[in-house]
């Protein structure tokens, strides 16, 4: 119940932040290509009302209403489970509220892969800031935490921010190389498998030929 109360608030704050950030970035950078990178936190992926689909928690009448609103044909004898499956099959393309907010200023949203925090430069910045605070906050007071956090943010210049991005790019290149190697090995396995079956079939043919002639 607490999560249900908190999430809508976070969702709204997230959308508002994206809207304000996109507007500020556009005003400061003119016609440049702009992209805001976000992770896959639930509040970044809130769907627009038009693209939401029925959930298992919905009562059958709600699912039926959704199908009617989206002009999806169904039979009256369908169970709720069958109706949900049908709704999933006719699900509209996902549109996220944050994307809509950013698009108002011609700003793109780039979502990081799930559970790949190493590709998120903000995670590096967050870790550096926590280390800085831990090393300097000798009073262990919340007020001083705020002071040291602001001090670190002030010191985080373009060079430091760029280093975080460059670090994540190295990880991205590593993942790309790993994908390429994986593809090569998959192809080798497929080729070996094909060759194996050809040899087996050849042996069978030779064996049959040998039996026929002897």
C-alpha atoms as a PDB file:
ATOM      1  CA  UNK A   1       0.000   0.000   0.000  1.00  0.00           C
ATOM      2  CA  UNK A   2       2.862   2.366   0.821  1.00  0.00           C
ATOM      3  CA  UNK A   3       4.487   1.696  -2.565  1.00  0.00           C
ATOM      4  CA  UNK A   4       1.204   2.503  -4.307  1.00  0.00           C
ATOM      5  CA  UNK A   5       1.175   5.881  -2.567  1.00  0.00           C
ATOM      6  CA  UNK A   6       4.831   6.662  -3.205  1.00  0.00           C
ATOM      7  CA  UNK A   7       5.245   5.489  -6.820  1.00  0.00           C
ATOM      8  CA  UNK A   8       2.686   7.867  -8.366  1.00  0.00           C
ATOM      9  CA  UNK A   9       4.440  10.755  -6.629  1.00  0.00           C
ATOM     10  CA  UNK A  10       7.846   9.624  -7.879  1.00  0.00           C
ATOM     11  CA  UNK A  11       6.440   9.094 -11.376  1.00  0.00           C
ATOM     12  CA  UNK A  12       5.109  12.637 -11.456  1.00  0.00           C
ATOM     13  CA  UNK A  13       8.362  14.084 -10.118  1.00  0.00           C
ATOM     14  CA  UNK A  14      10.359  12.119 -12.677  1.00  0.00           C
ATOM     15  CA  UNK A  15       8.239  13.344 -15.574  1.00  0.00           C
ATOM     16  CA  UNK A  16       8.394  16.924 -14.306  1.00  0.00           C
ATOM     17  CA  UNK A  17      12.164  16.707 -13.937  1.00  0.00           C
ATOM     18  CA  UNK A  18      12.575  15.378 -17.480  1.00  0.00           C
ATOM     19  CA  UNK A  19      10.311  18.132 -18.794  1.00  0.00           C
ATOM     20  CA  UNK A  20      12.265  20.865 -17.004  1.00  0.00           C
ATOM     21  CA  UNK A  21      15.665  19.351 -17.847  1.00  0.00           C
ATOM     22  CA  UNK A  22      14.759  18.937 -21.513  1.00  0.00           C
ATOM     23  CA  UNK A  23      13.534  22.517 -21.676  1.00  0.00           C
ATOM     24  CA  UNK A  24      16.694  23.842 -20.032  1.00  0.00           C
ATOM     25  CA  UNK A  25      18.993  21.779 -22.239  1.00  0.00           C
ATOM     26  CA  UNK A  26      17.194  22.910 -25.371  1.00  0.00           C
ATOM     27  CA  UNK A  27      17.370  26.552 -24.339  1.00  0.00           C
ATOM     28  CA  UNK A  28      21.090  26.276 -23.608  1.00  0.00           C
ATOM     29  CA  UNK A  29      22.086  24.214 -26.651  1.00  0.00           C
ATOM     30  CA  UNK A  30      19.972  25.532 -29.487  1.00  0.00           C
ATOM     31  CA  UNK A  31      19.397  23.017 -32.282  1.00  0.00           C
ATOM     32  CA  UNK A  32      22.003  20.520 -31.088  1.00  0.00           C
ATOM     33  CA  UNK A  33      21.163  16.833 -30.793  1.00  0.00           C
ATOM     34  CA  UNK A  34      20.198  16.226 -27.164  1.00  0.00           C
ATOM     35  CA  UNK A  35      19.678  12.957 -25.328  1.00  0.00           C
ATOM     36  CA  UNK A  36      18.828  12.291 -21.688  1.00  0.00           C
ATOM     37  CA  UNK A  37      20.037   8.940 -20.360  1.00  0.00           C
ATOM     38  CA  UNK A  38      17.887   7.164 -17.784  1.00  0.00           C
ATOM     39  CA  UNK A  39      17.919   3.743 -16.182  1.00  0.00           C
ATOM     40  CA  UNK A  40      14.990   1.338 -16.060  1.00  0.00           C
ATOM     41  CA  UNK A  41      13.568   2.398 -12.715  1.00  0.00           C
ATOM     42  CA  UNK A  42       9.765   2.016 -12.631  1.00  0.00           C
ATOM     43  CA  UNK A  43       9.231   5.775 -12.374  1.00  0.00           C
ATOM     44  CA  UNK A  44      11.143   6.290 -15.631  1.00  0.00           C
ATOM     45  CA  UNK A  45       8.966   3.768 -17.452  1.00  0.00           C
ATOM     46  CA  UNK A  46       5.468   4.896 -16.556  1.00  0.00           C
ATOM     47  CA  UNK A  47       3.303   4.302 -19.611  1.00  0.00           C
ATOM     48  CA  UNK A  48       0.890   6.863 -20.953  1.00  0.00           C
ATOM     49  CA  UNK A  49      -2.743   6.134 -20.171  1.00  0.00           C
ATOM     50  CA  UNK A  50      -3.404   5.363 -23.838  1.00  0.00           C
ATOM     51  CA  UNK A  51      -0.791   2.593 -23.994  1.00  0.00           C
ATOM     52  CA  UNK A  52      -1.415   0.865 -20.678  1.00  0.00           C
ATOM     53  CA  UNK A  53      -2.784  -2.664 -20.935  1.00  0.00           C
ATOM     54  CA  UNK A  54      -4.937  -4.640 -18.490  1.00  0.00           C
ATOM     55  CA  UNK A  55      -3.213  -6.192 -15.495  1.00  0.00           C
ATOM     56  CA  UNK A  56      -4.014  -9.508 -13.785  1.00  0.00           C
ATOM     57  CA  UNK A  57      -5.223  -7.524 -10.772  1.00  0.00           C
ATOM     58  CA  UNK A  58      -8.014  -5.986 -12.852  1.00  0.00           C
ATOM     59  CA  UNK A  59     -11.503  -7.419 -12.519  1.00  0.00           C
ATOM     60  CA  UNK A  60     -12.966  -9.043 -15.611  1.00  0.00           C
ATOM     61  CA  UNK A  61     -15.295  -6.104 -16.278  1.00  0.00           C
ATOM     62  CA  UNK A  62     -12.306  -3.738 -16.511  1.00  0.00           C
ATOM     63  CA  UNK A  63     -10.556  -6.008 -18.990  1.00  0.00           C
ATOM     64  CA  UNK A  64     -13.717  -6.211 -21.086  1.00  0.00           C
ATOM     65  CA  UNK A  65     -14.023  -2.427 -21.030  1.00  0.00           C
ATOM     66  CA  UNK A  66     -10.421  -2.075 -22.219  1.00  0.00           C
ATOM     67  CA  UNK A  67     -11.069  -4.470 -25.089  1.00  0.00           C
ATOM     68  CA  UNK A  68     -14.191  -2.547 -26.057  1.00  0.00           C
ATOM     69  CA  UNK A  69     -12.364   0.786 -25.911  1.00  0.00           C
ATOM     70  CA  UNK A  70      -9.657  -0.586 -28.196  1.00  0.00           C
ATOM     71  CA  UNK A  71     -12.150  -2.316 -30.501  1.00  0.00           C
ATOM     72  CA  UNK A  72     -10.693  -5.755 -29.883  1.00  0.00           C
ATOM     73  CA  UNK A  73     -13.099  -8.590 -30.812  1.00  0.00           C
ATOM     74  CA  UNK A  74     -13.725 -11.301 -28.222  1.00  0.00           C
ATOM     75  CA  UNK A  75     -16.289 -13.923 -27.310  1.00  0.00           C
ATOM     76  CA  UNK A  76     -18.570 -13.599 -24.311  1.00  0.00           C
ATOM     77  CA  UNK A  77     -17.568 -17.081 -23.153  1.00  0.00           C
ATOM     78  CA  UNK A  78     -13.910 -16.080 -22.744  1.00  0.00           C
ATOM     79  CA  UNK A  79     -12.490 -16.325 -19.248  1.00  0.00           C
ATOM     80  CA  UNK A  80     -10.577 -13.463 -17.671  1.00  0.00           C
ATOM     81  CA  UNK A  81      -7.289 -15.249 -18.384  1.00  0.00           C
ATOM     82  CA  UNK A  82      -8.207 -15.569 -22.059  1.00  0.00           C
ATOM     83  CA  UNK A  83      -9.239 -11.923 -22.213  1.00  0.00           C
ATOM     84  CA  UNK A  84      -5.917 -10.846 -20.685  1.00  0.00           C
ATOM     85  CA  UNK A  85      -4.047 -12.930 -23.242  1.00  0.00           C
ATOM     86  CA  UNK A  86      -6.086 -11.307 -25.988  1.00  0.00           C
ATOM     87  CA  UNK A  87      -5.372  -7.833 -24.621  1.00  0.00           C
ATOM     88  CA  UNK A  88      -1.677  -8.619 -24.579  1.00  0.00           C
ATOM     89  CA  UNK A  89      -1.842  -9.718 -28.220  1.00  0.00           C
ATOM     90  CA  UNK A  90      -3.478  -6.412 -29.183  1.00  0.00           C
ATOM     91  CA  UNK A  91      -1.322  -4.274 -26.900  1.00  0.00           C
ATOM     92  CA  UNK A  92      -0.490  -0.882 -28.416  1.00  0.00           C
ATOM     93  CA  UNK A  93       3.104   0.201 -28.812  1.00  0.00           C
ATOM     94  CA  UNK A  94       4.534   1.333 -25.494  1.00  0.00           C
ATOM     95  CA  UNK A  95       4.825   5.077 -25.025  1.00  0.00           C
ATOM     96  CA  UNK A  96       6.443   6.395 -21.858  1.00  0.00           C
ATOM     97  CA  UNK A  97       5.442   9.612 -20.139  1.00  0.00           C
ATOM     98  CA  UNK A  98       9.072  10.693 -19.826  1.00  0.00           C
ATOM     99  CA  UNK A  99       9.539  10.269 -23.581  1.00  0.00           C
ATOM    100  CA  UNK A 100       6.504  12.419 -24.273  1.00  0.00           C
ATOM    101  CA  UNK A 101       7.763  15.118 -21.898  1.00  0.00           C
ATOM    102  CA  UNK A 102      11.215  15.172 -23.520  1.00  0.00           C
ATOM    103  CA  UNK A 103       9.792  15.101 -27.044  1.00  0.00           C
ATOM    104  CA  UNK A 104       8.109  18.462 -26.450  1.00  0.00           C
ATOM    105  CA  UNK A 105      11.602  19.952 -26.693  1.00  0.00           C
ATOM    106  CA  UNK A 106      12.859  17.561 -29.379  1.00  0.00           C
ATOM    107  CA  UNK A 107      14.974  15.689 -26.822  1.00  0.00           C
ATOM    108  CA  UNK A 108      15.480  11.921 -26.976  1.00  0.00           C
ATOM    109  CA  UNK A 109      15.398   9.517 -24.042  1.00  0.00           C
ATOM    110  CA  UNK A 110      17.963   6.707 -24.003  1.00  0.00           C
ATOM    111  CA  UNK A 111      17.292   3.827 -21.624  1.00  0.00           C
ATOM    112  CA  UNK A 112      20.149   1.763 -20.307  1.00  0.00           C
ATOM    113  CA  UNK A 113      19.966  -2.047 -20.426  1.00  0.00           C
ATOM    114  CA  UNK A 114      18.382  -3.639 -17.382  1.00  0.00           C
ATOM    115  CA  UNK A 115      20.865  -4.529 -14.621  1.00  0.00           C
ATOM    116  CA  UNK A 116      23.824  -2.923 -16.395  1.00  0.00           C
ATOM    117  CA  UNK A 117      24.752  -0.200 -13.926  1.00  0.00           C
ATOM    118  CA  UNK A 118      28.318  -0.169 -15.280  1.00  0.00           C
ATOM    119  CA  UNK A 119      26.915   1.519 -18.393  1.00  0.00           C
ATOM    120  CA  UNK A 120      25.479   4.339 -16.312  1.00  0.00           C
ATOM    121  CA  UNK A 121      27.986   7.162 -15.697  1.00  0.00           C
ATOM    122  CA  UNK A 122      25.735   8.531 -12.965  1.00  0.00           C
ATOM    123  CA  UNK A 123      26.464   5.421 -10.896  1.00  0.00           C
ATOM    124  CA  UNK A 124      30.162   6.306 -10.984  1.00  0.00           C
ATOM    125  CA  UNK A 125      29.425   9.877  -9.970  1.00  0.00           C
ATOM    126  CA  UNK A 126      27.195   8.648  -7.152  1.00  0.00           C
ATOM    127  CA  UNK A 127      29.914   6.290  -5.891  1.00  0.00           C
ATOM    128  CA  UNK A 128      32.545   9.033  -6.013  1.00  0.00           C
ATOM    129  CA  UNK A 129      30.313  11.445  -4.132  1.00  0.00           C
ATOM    130  CA  UNK A 130      29.525   8.895  -1.411  1.00  0.00           C
ATOM    131  CA  UNK A 131      33.227   8.172  -0.978  1.00  0.00           C
ATOM    132  CA  UNK A 132      33.961  11.887  -0.737  1.00  0.00           C
ATOM    133  CA  UNK A 133      31.262  12.389   1.893  1.00  0.00           C
ATOM    134  CA  UNK A 134      32.358   9.338   3.867  1.00  0.00           C
ATOM    135  CA  UNK A 135      35.954  10.577   3.983  1.00  0.00           C
ATOM    136  CA  UNK A 136      35.035  14.098   5.069  1.00  0.00           C
ATOM    137  CA  UNK A 137      31.943  13.767   7.231  1.00  0.00           C
ATOM    138  CA  UNK A 138      33.622  13.298  10.601  1.00  0.00           C
ATOM    139  CA  UNK A 139      30.642  14.630  12.561  1.00  0.00           C
ATOM    140  CA  UNK A 140      28.203  12.067  11.111  1.00  0.00           C
ATOM    141  CA  UNK A 141      25.446  14.662  10.973  1.00  0.00           C
ATOM    142  CA  UNK A 142      22.848  14.820   8.215  1.00  0.00           C
ATOM    143  CA  UNK A 143      23.417  18.545   7.856  1.00  0.00           C
ATOM    144  CA  UNK A 144      27.091  18.004   7.086  1.00  0.00           C
ATOM    145  CA  UNK A 145      26.192  15.288   4.585  1.00  0.00           C
ATOM    146  CA  UNK A 146      24.252  17.916   2.657  1.00  0.00           C
ATOM    147  CA  UNK A 147      27.157  20.362   2.886  1.00  0.00           C
ATOM    148  CA  UNK A 148      29.717  17.848   1.609  1.00  0.00           C
ATOM    149  CA  UNK A 149      27.373  16.654  -1.145  1.00  0.00           C
ATOM    150  CA  UNK A 150      27.025  20.209  -2.432  1.00  0.00           C
ATOM    151  CA  UNK A 151      30.783  20.674  -2.169  1.00  0.00           C
ATOM    152  CA  UNK A 152      31.395  17.597  -4.309  1.00  0.00           C
ATOM    153  CA  UNK A 153      28.813  18.656  -6.889  1.00  0.00           C
ATOM    154  CA  UNK A 154      30.468  22.060  -7.121  1.00  0.00           C
ATOM    155  CA  UNK A 155      33.851  20.432  -7.720  1.00  0.00           C
ATOM    156  CA  UNK A 156      32.474  18.043 -10.349  1.00  0.00           C
ATOM    157  CA  UNK A 157      33.591  19.885 -13.467  1.00  0.00           C
ATOM    158  CA  UNK A 158      33.455  18.959 -17.148  1.00  0.00           C
ATOM    159  CA  UNK A 159      36.694  16.985 -16.952  1.00  0.00           C
ATOM    160  CA  UNK A 160      35.462  14.793 -14.108  1.00  0.00           C
ATOM    161  CA  UNK A 161      32.069  14.246 -15.714  1.00  0.00           C
ATOM    162  CA  UNK A 162      33.748  13.317 -18.999  1.00  0.00           C
ATOM    163  CA  UNK A 163      35.907  10.751 -17.210  1.00  0.00           C
ATOM    164  CA  UNK A 164      32.781   8.983 -15.963  1.00  0.00           C
ATOM    165  CA  UNK A 165      31.380   8.827 -19.484  1.00  0.00           C
ATOM    166  CA  UNK A 166      34.684   7.617 -20.944  1.00  0.00           C
ATOM    167  CA  UNK A 167      34.787   4.875 -18.323  1.00  0.00           C
ATOM    168  CA  UNK A 168      31.352   3.599 -19.311  1.00  0.00           C
ATOM    169  CA  UNK A 169      32.308   3.739 -22.995  1.00  0.00           C
ATOM    170  CA  UNK A 170      35.171   1.328 -22.256  1.00  0.00           C
ATOM    171  CA  UNK A 171      32.700  -1.094 -20.707  1.00  0.00           C
ATOM    172  CA  UNK A 172      30.422  -0.706 -23.714  1.00  0.00           C
ATOM    173  CA  UNK A 173      33.299  -1.554 -26.045  1.00  0.00           C
ATOM    174  CA  UNK A 174      34.110  -4.597 -23.909  1.00  0.00           C
ATOM    175  CA  UNK A 175      30.514  -5.804 -24.152  1.00  0.00           C
ATOM    176  CA  UNK A 176      30.536  -5.255 -27.921  1.00  0.00           C
ATOM    177  CA  UNK A 177      33.713  -7.316 -28.298  1.00  0.00           C
ATOM    178  CA  UNK A 178      32.204 -10.057 -26.150  1.00  0.00           C
ATOM    179  CA  UNK A 179      29.084 -10.086 -28.340  1.00  0.00           C
ATOM    180  CA  UNK A 180      31.216 -10.379 -31.471  1.00  0.00           C
ATOM    181  CA  UNK A 181      33.177 -13.296 -30.007  1.00  0.00           C
ATOM    182  CA  UNK A 182      29.941 -14.971 -28.932  1.00  0.00           C
ATOM    183  CA  UNK A 183      28.521 -14.652 -32.447  1.00  0.00           C
ATOM    184  CA  UNK A 184      31.673 -16.161 -33.962  1.00  0.00           C
ATOM    185  CA  UNK A 185      31.534 -19.118 -31.596  1.00  0.00           C
ATOM    186  CA  UNK A 186      27.847 -19.634 -32.307  1.00  0.00           C
ATOM    187  CA  UNK A 187      28.609 -19.758 -36.021  1.00  0.00           C
ATOM    188  CA  UNK A 188      31.434 -22.235 -35.416  1.00  0.00           C
ATOM    189  CA  UNK A 189      29.129 -24.431 -33.362  1.00  0.00           C
ATOM    190  CA  UNK A 190      26.477 -24.329 -36.086  1.00  0.00           C
ATOM    191  CA  UNK A 191      29.040 -25.158 -38.788  1.00  0.00           C
ATOM    192  CA  UNK A 192      30.486 -27.998 -36.701  1.00  0.00           C
ATOM    193  CA  UNK A 193      26.991 -29.324 -36.073  1.00  0.00           C
ATOM    194  CA  UNK A 194      26.155 -29.250 -39.784  1.00  0.00           C
ATOM    195  CA  UNK A 195      29.417 -30.969 -40.661  1.00  0.00           C
ATOM    196  CA  UNK A 196      28.773 -33.607 -38.003  1.00  0.00           C
ATOM    197  CA  UNK A 197      25.342 -34.434 -39.419  1.00  0.00           C
ATOM    198  CA  UNK A 198      26.740 -34.553 -42.963  1.00  0.00           C
ATOM    199  CA  UNK A 199      29.388 -37.048 -41.856  1.00  0.00           C
ATOM    200  CA  UNK A 200      26.799 -39.171 -40.048  1.00  0.00           C
ATOM    201  CA  UNK A 201      24.505 -39.188 -43.073  1.00  0.00           C
ATOM    202  CA  UNK A 202      27.452 -40.038 -45.325  1.00  0.00           C
ATOM    203  CA  UNK A 203      28.391 -42.970 -43.087  1.00  0.00           C
ATOM    204  CA  UNK A 204      24.797 -44.202 -43.142  1.00  0.00           C
ATOM    205  CA  UNK A 205      24.701 -44.043 -46.940  1.00  0.00           C
ATOM    206  CA  UNK A 206      28.048 -45.846 -47.202  1.00  0.00           C
ATOM    207  CA  UNK A 207      26.843 -48.457 -44.735  1.00  0.00           C
ATOM    208  CA  UNK A 208      23.645 -49.049 -46.669  1.00  0.00           C
ATOM    209  CA  UNK A 209      25.586 -49.250 -49.923  1.00  0.00           C
ATOM    210  CA  UNK A 210      27.969 -51.769 -48.360  1.00  0.00           C
ATOM    211  CA  UNK A 211      25.072 -53.974 -47.206  1.00  0.00           C
ATOM    212  CA  UNK A 212      23.388 -53.866 -50.612  1.00  0.00           C
ATOM    213  CA  UNK A 213      26.530 -54.906 -52.425  1.00  0.00           C
ATOM    214  CA  UNK A 214      27.454 -57.621 -49.974  1.00  0.00           C
END
